[in-house]
C-alpha cells in the first residue's frame, strides 16, 4: 500500500469503516449516490478523522493514533482483539498538519467525483478537530494551541480548504459544543463555540449542524444546556439541530426558530420509512442500541417497513 494511502487510513476508529481515499472506494460510492439520486434524494458525505478515538490495533503498522496532544480519551475502543482501553496518542507535529488539511481537501474532491452533493466536515463528538479545539485535549504551545483562536485554527483551515476545493455551497460542518464524551471538556465552552461559529458564519456554508447534549451535564454546569437556542444568534445561515429529538420536540425547535432543520439519526436507523411515518403520524419502531456499531444486517436493514406491518 502506498505511503499516502496508509497516512489517510490513520483517521480510522472502527473496524469495517468506509473510506473515500482510494479509487476503488470512489467507484463503490457511485453506486450509493446513484441509487439515492434515482429516488429524488440528496446525499452529503461526512468527512471523519477520529484522532485519539482509535487504537494502535486499528492503525496501519499498529502505530499509535494521533491527536492534538498526548492525552488519552480515557475510555474503551473496540479492536480486532475485543474492547481495549484507549491509548495515549502521539501528538501531531506542526509540519504534519498541512497533510491533514490536504487529506480533507482530497476526500472532499473524491466525494464530488463519487456523486455526492456535498460534504459535512465532522468537527464534533470528540474526534480530531474537536480535540484541537478543547482545553482538555489540547495543551499545545505552538500556533495551534493556547488561545481560542489558535485552538480553532485547524478546524477553520480545513473548512477553508474544503470550500476552496468544492465550493462553500457544498460544504457543511458539524459541531458539538456540549459534548463531554471521551474526556472532552473546556474551560469556557461558550466563548470557544461563539468564536468558531461566528467565524464559520462569515464563510457562507451550506449549513451548520449542532449537536445537543447527549448525556446529562449535572457535573458540568459550565456547559450549554440548550445548544441550538444559545448559538442561533451567532449563525445567520441554515442551522440544523440534532440530538435526542423526537417528532414533538423537533417540531418545537423549528417552530420557535431555534433551528431551520432537525436531524434524526437513531430514529432513521430504526425507521427506514421515517418521513412516511411522520406524515401519517404512525407508530415508530424503537431503536435497538445493542446492535449499534456491530457488523452484519441485524439492526440496520431488518427493521419492518410500515407497509409490511
Protein backbone atom coordinates (compact mmCIF):
# COMPACT_ATOMS: atom_id res chain seq x y z
CA UNK A 1 0.00 0.00 0.00
CA UNK A 2 1.40 3.45 -0.90
CA UNK A 3 2.57 5.61 1.99
CA UNK A 4 -0.03 8.27 1.22
CA UNK A 5 -2.86 5.75 1.49
CA UNK A 6 -1.52 4.47 4.81
CA UNK A 7 -1.46 8.01 6.18
CA UNK A 8 -5.05 8.62 5.16
CA UNK A 9 -6.17 5.48 6.95
CA UNK A 10 -4.93 6.91 10.26
CA UNK A 11 -8.31 8.52 10.74
CA UNK A 12 -9.92 5.09 11.31
CA UNK A 13 -11.89 4.48 14.51
CA UNK A 14 -13.79 1.25 13.98
CA UNK A 15 -13.36 -1.95 12.05
CA UNK A 16 -15.00 -2.00 8.61
CA UNK A 17 -15.37 1.77 8.49
CA UNK A 18 -15.87 3.01 4.89
CA UNK A 19 -13.45 5.50 3.36
CA UNK A 20 -13.12 7.83 0.39
CA UNK A 21 -9.35 7.79 -0.15
CA UNK A 22 -8.94 5.14 -2.87
CA UNK A 23 -10.20 4.86 -6.47
CA UNK A 24 -11.99 1.63 -5.54
CA UNK A 25 -13.89 3.39 -2.76
CA UNK A 26 -14.87 6.23 -5.09
CA UNK A 27 -16.26 3.73 -7.58
CA UNK A 28 -18.16 1.91 -4.84
CA UNK A 29 -19.76 5.11 -3.57
CA UNK A 30 -21.01 5.93 -7.08
CA UNK A 31 -23.49 3.05 -6.74
CA UNK A 32 -24.81 4.55 -3.49
CA UNK A 33 -25.16 8.12 -4.75
CA UNK A 34 -26.79 6.92 -7.98
CA UNK A 35 -29.40 4.97 -6.01
CA UNK A 36 -30.16 7.99 -3.80
CA UNK A 37 -30.47 10.36 -6.74
CA UNK A 38 -32.73 7.95 -8.63
CA UNK A 39 -35.14 8.24 -5.68
CA UNK A 40 -35.00 12.04 -5.81
CA UNK A 41 -32.78 12.39 -2.73
CA UNK A 42 -29.69 14.40 -1.88
CA UNK A 43 -26.68 12.92 -0.12
CA UNK A 44 -23.71 14.53 1.68
CA UNK A 45 -20.64 12.58 2.79
CA UNK A 46 -19.39 13.14 6.34
CA UNK A 47 -15.60 13.59 6.46
CA UNK A 48 -14.26 11.99 9.62
CA UNK A 49 -10.81 11.79 11.24
CA UNK A 50 -11.16 10.37 14.73
CA UNK A 51 -7.74 11.27 16.14
CA UNK A 52 -7.25 9.65 19.54
CA UNK A 53 -10.60 7.82 19.47
CA UNK A 54 -8.83 4.82 17.98
CA UNK A 55 -6.22 2.21 18.90
CA UNK A 56 -2.90 1.02 17.52
CA UNK A 57 -4.55 -2.31 16.65
CA UNK A 58 -6.73 -0.38 14.18
CA UNK A 59 -3.88 1.64 12.68
CA UNK A 60 -1.71 0.73 9.67
CA UNK A 61 1.52 -0.71 11.04
CA UNK A 62 0.00 -0.75 14.54
CA UNK A 63 1.30 2.75 15.25
CA UNK A 64 -0.25 4.96 17.90
CA UNK A 65 -3.29 7.06 16.95
CA UNK A 66 -2.68 10.81 16.71
CA UNK A 67 -4.22 13.83 18.40
CA UNK A 68 -3.56 17.45 19.32
CA UNK A 69 -1.67 16.41 22.47
CA UNK A 70 -0.54 13.27 24.27
CA UNK A 71 -3.73 12.93 26.36
CA UNK A 72 -5.88 9.79 26.32
CA UNK A 73 -9.63 9.88 25.81
CA UNK A 74 -9.87 7.66 28.88
CA UNK A 75 -12.43 5.21 27.53
CA UNK A 76 -12.52 1.94 25.62
CA UNK A 77 -12.44 1.19 21.90
CA UNK A 78 -13.44 -1.96 20.01
CA UNK A 79 -10.48 -3.60 18.26
CA UNK A 80 -9.90 -6.90 16.42
CA UNK A 81 -8.93 -8.29 19.85
CA UNK A 82 -12.04 -7.02 21.63
CA UNK A 83 -12.56 -3.91 23.78
CA UNK A 84 -9.32 -2.24 24.76
CA UNK A 85 -8.50 0.90 26.80
CA UNK A 86 -7.74 3.94 24.70
CA UNK A 87 -4.03 4.60 24.45
CA UNK A 88 -2.14 7.85 24.95
CA UNK A 89 -1.98 9.23 21.40
CA UNK A 90 1.01 10.68 19.64
CA UNK A 91 0.71 14.47 19.28
CA UNK A 92 0.75 15.59 15.67
CA UNK A 93 3.83 17.56 14.65
CA UNK A 94 3.10 21.01 13.27
CA UNK A 95 4.66 20.01 9.94
CA UNK A 96 2.12 17.16 9.68
CA UNK A 97 -0.93 19.42 9.84
CA UNK A 98 -0.80 20.56 6.19
CA UNK A 99 -1.07 16.86 5.31
CA UNK A 100 -4.17 16.52 7.49
CA UNK A 101 -5.73 19.52 5.74
CA UNK A 102 -4.80 18.05 2.36
CA UNK A 103 -6.48 14.76 3.29
CA UNK A 104 -9.74 16.60 3.99
CA UNK A 105 -9.42 18.53 0.71
CA UNK A 106 -8.76 15.39 -1.32
CA UNK A 107 -11.56 13.50 0.43
CA UNK A 108 -13.98 16.30 -0.46
CA UNK A 109 -12.81 16.21 -4.07
CA UNK A 110 -13.24 12.44 -4.18
CA UNK A 111 -16.74 12.78 -2.72
CA UNK A 112 -17.86 15.04 -5.56
CA UNK A 113 -16.34 12.66 -8.13
CA UNK A 114 -18.29 9.85 -6.43
CA UNK A 115 -21.52 11.77 -6.97
CA UNK A 116 -22.15 13.25 -3.54
CA UNK A 117 -23.99 16.57 -3.45
CA UNK A 118 -21.61 17.93 -0.83
CA UNK A 119 -19.70 17.05 2.33
CA UNK A 120 -20.09 17.59 6.04
CA UNK A 121 -16.87 18.23 7.99
CA UNK A 122 -17.17 16.25 11.22
CA UNK A 123 -15.68 18.59 13.84
CA UNK A 124 -17.79 17.19 16.69
CA UNK A 125 -18.20 14.23 19.04
CA UNK A 126 -14.65 14.06 20.44
CA UNK A 127 -12.91 13.49 17.11
CA UNK A 128 -9.71 15.08 15.80
CA UNK A 129 -10.87 18.62 15.01
CA UNK A 130 -12.86 18.68 18.25
CA UNK A 131 -9.73 17.52 20.11
CA UNK A 132 -7.80 20.51 18.78
CA UNK A 133 -10.47 22.95 19.94
CA UNK A 134 -10.83 21.89 23.61
CA UNK A 135 -8.53 22.73 26.50
CA UNK A 136 -8.96 19.23 27.93
CA UNK A 137 -7.34 17.65 24.88
CA UNK A 138 -5.10 20.42 23.54
CA UNK A 139 -2.14 21.68 25.58
CA UNK A 140 -0.01 22.62 22.59
CA UNK A 141 2.40 25.55 22.78
CA UNK A 142 2.53 26.34 19.04
CA UNK A 143 0.11 28.33 16.88
CA UNK A 144 -2.46 25.51 17.16
CA UNK A 145 -2.72 25.69 20.96
CA UNK A 146 -3.32 28.13 23.78
CA UNK A 147 -5.82 30.79 22.77
CA UNK A 148 -9.29 30.07 21.41
CA UNK A 149 -8.19 31.44 18.04
CA UNK A 150 -5.23 29.08 17.92
CA UNK A 151 -7.21 26.03 19.01
CA UNK A 152 -9.83 26.69 16.32
CA UNK A 153 -7.22 27.28 13.64
CA UNK A 154 -7.14 23.72 12.26
CA UNK A 155 -10.94 23.46 12.03
CA UNK A 156 -11.13 26.73 10.10
CA UNK A 157 -8.19 25.83 7.85
CA UNK A 158 -9.83 22.51 6.99
CA UNK A 159 -13.10 24.31 6.29
CA UNK A 160 -11.39 26.83 4.01
CA UNK A 161 -9.56 24.08 2.12
CA UNK A 162 -12.77 22.13 1.52
CA UNK A 163 -14.69 25.25 0.48
CA UNK A 164 -11.91 26.16 -1.95
CA UNK A 165 -11.98 22.67 -3.45
CA UNK A 166 -15.72 22.03 -3.90
CA UNK A 167 -17.42 25.35 -3.08
CA UNK A 168 -18.86 26.75 0.13
CA UNK A 169 -22.38 25.96 -1.08
CA UNK A 170 -21.49 22.26 -0.93
CA UNK A 171 -19.76 22.38 2.46
CA UNK A 172 -21.41 21.82 5.84
CA UNK A 173 -19.87 21.31 9.26
CA UNK A 174 -20.90 19.56 12.47
CA UNK A 175 -20.05 20.78 15.99
CA UNK A 176 -20.98 19.50 19.47
CA UNK A 177 -20.47 22.40 21.91
CA UNK A 178 -21.64 20.44 24.98
CA UNK A 179 -20.10 17.06 24.29
CA UNK A 180 -18.29 15.51 27.28
CA UNK A 181 -17.71 12.02 25.86
CA UNK A 182 -14.17 10.60 25.75
CA UNK A 183 -12.82 13.12 28.24
CA UNK A 184 -13.84 16.24 26.33
CA UNK A 185 -14.22 19.47 28.29
CA UNK A 186 -13.26 23.12 28.03
CA UNK A 187 -12.65 25.92 30.49
CA UNK A 188 -15.04 28.22 28.58
CA UNK A 189 -17.11 26.29 26.03
CA UNK A 190 -19.49 29.21 25.43
CA UNK A 191 -16.67 31.55 24.38
CA UNK A 192 -14.99 28.80 22.36
CA UNK A 193 -18.00 27.97 20.25
CA UNK A 194 -19.30 31.51 19.99
CA UNK A 195 -15.97 32.32 18.36
CA UNK A 196 -15.77 29.38 15.95
CA UNK A 197 -19.44 29.64 14.97
CA UNK A 198 -19.07 33.37 14.31
CA UNK A 199 -16.07 32.62 12.11
CA UNK A 200 -17.96 29.91 10.24
CA UNK A 201 -20.87 32.32 9.72
CA UNK A 202 -18.56 34.53 7.63
CA UNK A 203 -17.86 31.68 5.23
CA UNK A 204 -21.39 31.23 3.85
CA UNK A 205 -21.51 27.46 4.25
CA UNK A 206 -24.33 25.20 3.12
CA UNK A 207 -25.22 24.67 6.77
CA UNK A 208 -24.06 24.41 10.37
CA UNK A 209 -25.04 21.20 12.18
CA UNK A 210 -25.14 21.44 16.01
CA UNK A 211 -25.50 18.51 18.40
CA UNK A 212 -27.43 18.96 21.62
CA UNK A 213 -26.09 17.37 24.86
CA UNK A 214 -26.45 13.61 24.56
CA UNK A 215 -25.90 12.78 28.24
CA UNK A 216 -26.72 14.67 31.48
CA UNK A 217 -24.49 17.63 32.31
CA UNK A 218 -25.09 17.63 36.07
CA UNK A 219 -21.37 17.70 36.81
CA UNK A 220 -20.64 20.22 34.05
CA UNK A 221 -22.66 23.36 34.92
CA UNK A 222 -20.45 25.48 32.61
CA UNK A 223 -21.71 23.58 29.56
CA UNK A 224 -24.53 24.98 27.42
CA UNK A 225 -27.74 23.03 28.07
CA UNK A 226 -29.73 24.23 25.03
CA UNK A 227 -27.20 24.36 22.23
CA UNK A 228 -29.25 25.45 19.19
CA UNK A 229 -31.13 28.08 21.19
CA UNK A 230 -27.90 29.58 22.57
CA UNK A 231 -25.85 29.65 19.36
CA UNK A 232 -28.62 30.57 16.91
CA UNK A 233 -27.77 34.27 17.25
CA UNK A 234 -24.17 33.64 16.17
CA UNK A 235 -25.09 31.97 12.89
CA UNK A 236 -27.23 33.55 10.19
CA UNK A 237 -27.21 30.66 7.70
CA UNK A 238 -29.05 27.34 7.66
CA UNK A 239 -28.83 25.71 11.09
CA UNK A 240 -29.52 22.01 11.70
CA UNK A 241 -30.12 20.73 15.25
CA UNK A 242 -29.60 17.11 16.28
CA UNK A 243 -29.56 15.06 19.45
CA UNK A 244 -32.30 13.08 21.19
CA UNK A 245 -35.15 14.79 19.35
CA UNK A 246 -38.50 13.13 18.89
CA UNK A 247 -41.18 14.31 16.50
CA UNK A 248 -42.73 16.71 19.01
CA UNK A 249 -39.53 18.32 20.30
CA UNK A 250 -38.15 18.57 16.78
CA UNK A 251 -41.26 20.40 15.61
CA UNK A 252 -40.99 22.76 18.57
CA UNK A 253 -37.39 23.68 17.74
CA UNK A 254 -38.29 24.59 14.16
CA UNK A 255 -41.50 26.46 15.07
CA UNK A 256 -39.59 28.52 17.66
CA UNK A 257 -36.92 29.31 15.03
CA UNK A 258 -34.09 27.89 17.13
CA UNK A 259 -33.08 25.86 14.07
CA UNK A 260 -34.13 25.60 10.43
CA UNK A 261 -33.96 21.81 10.29
CA UNK A 262 -33.82 18.89 12.71
CA UNK A 263 -31.74 15.78 12.03
CA UNK A 264 -32.77 12.31 13.17
CA UNK A 265 -30.17 9.56 13.47
CA UNK A 266 -31.30 6.66 15.62
CA UNK A 267 -34.96 7.07 14.63
CA UNK A 268 -33.93 6.80 10.98
CA UNK A 269 -31.93 3.63 11.66
CA UNK A 270 -34.99 2.02 13.23
CA UNK A 271 -37.45 3.53 10.74
CA UNK A 272 -36.20 3.46 7.15
CA UNK A 273 -39.53 4.99 6.13
CA UNK A 274 -39.42 7.70 8.81
CA UNK A 275 -40.77 10.55 6.59
CA UNK A 276 -43.83 8.46 5.72
CA UNK A 277 -44.41 7.57 9.36
CA UNK A 278 -44.15 11.25 10.33
CA UNK A 279 -46.59 12.27 7.60
CA UNK A 280 -49.10 9.65 8.73
CA UNK A 281 -48.44 10.11 12.46
CA UNK A 282 -47.79 6.36 12.54
CA UNK A 283 -46.12 4.44 15.40
CA UNK A 284 -42.32 4.28 15.32
CA UNK A 285 -40.01 1.30 15.68
CA UNK A 286 -37.79 1.52 18.75
CA UNK A 287 -34.02 1.56 18.01
CA UNK A 288 -32.14 -1.47 19.36
CA UNK A 289 -28.97 0.08 20.79
CA UNK A 290 -27.39 -3.36 21.31
CA UNK A 291 -26.96 -3.62 17.53
CA UNK A 292 -25.30 -0.22 17.09
CA UNK A 293 -21.72 -0.35 15.76
CA UNK A 294 -21.95 -4.08 15.13
CA UNK A 295 -21.31 -5.90 11.83
CA UNK A 296 -23.95 -7.63 9.76
CA UNK A 297 -27.52 -6.78 8.79
CA UNK A 298 -29.08 -7.06 12.26
CA UNK A 299 -30.17 -3.66 13.48
CA UNK A 300 -29.55 -1.98 10.12
CA UNK A 301 -31.74 -3.47 7.40
CA UNK A 302 -34.12 -5.71 9.34
CA UNK A 303 -36.49 -3.12 10.86
CA UNK A 304 -40.01 -3.54 9.43
CA UNK A 305 -41.42 -1.06 6.94
CA UNK A 306 -44.81 0.45 7.68
CA UNK A 307 -46.35 -1.15 4.58
CA UNK A 308 -45.27 -4.61 5.84
CA UNK A 309 -46.67 -4.23 9.35
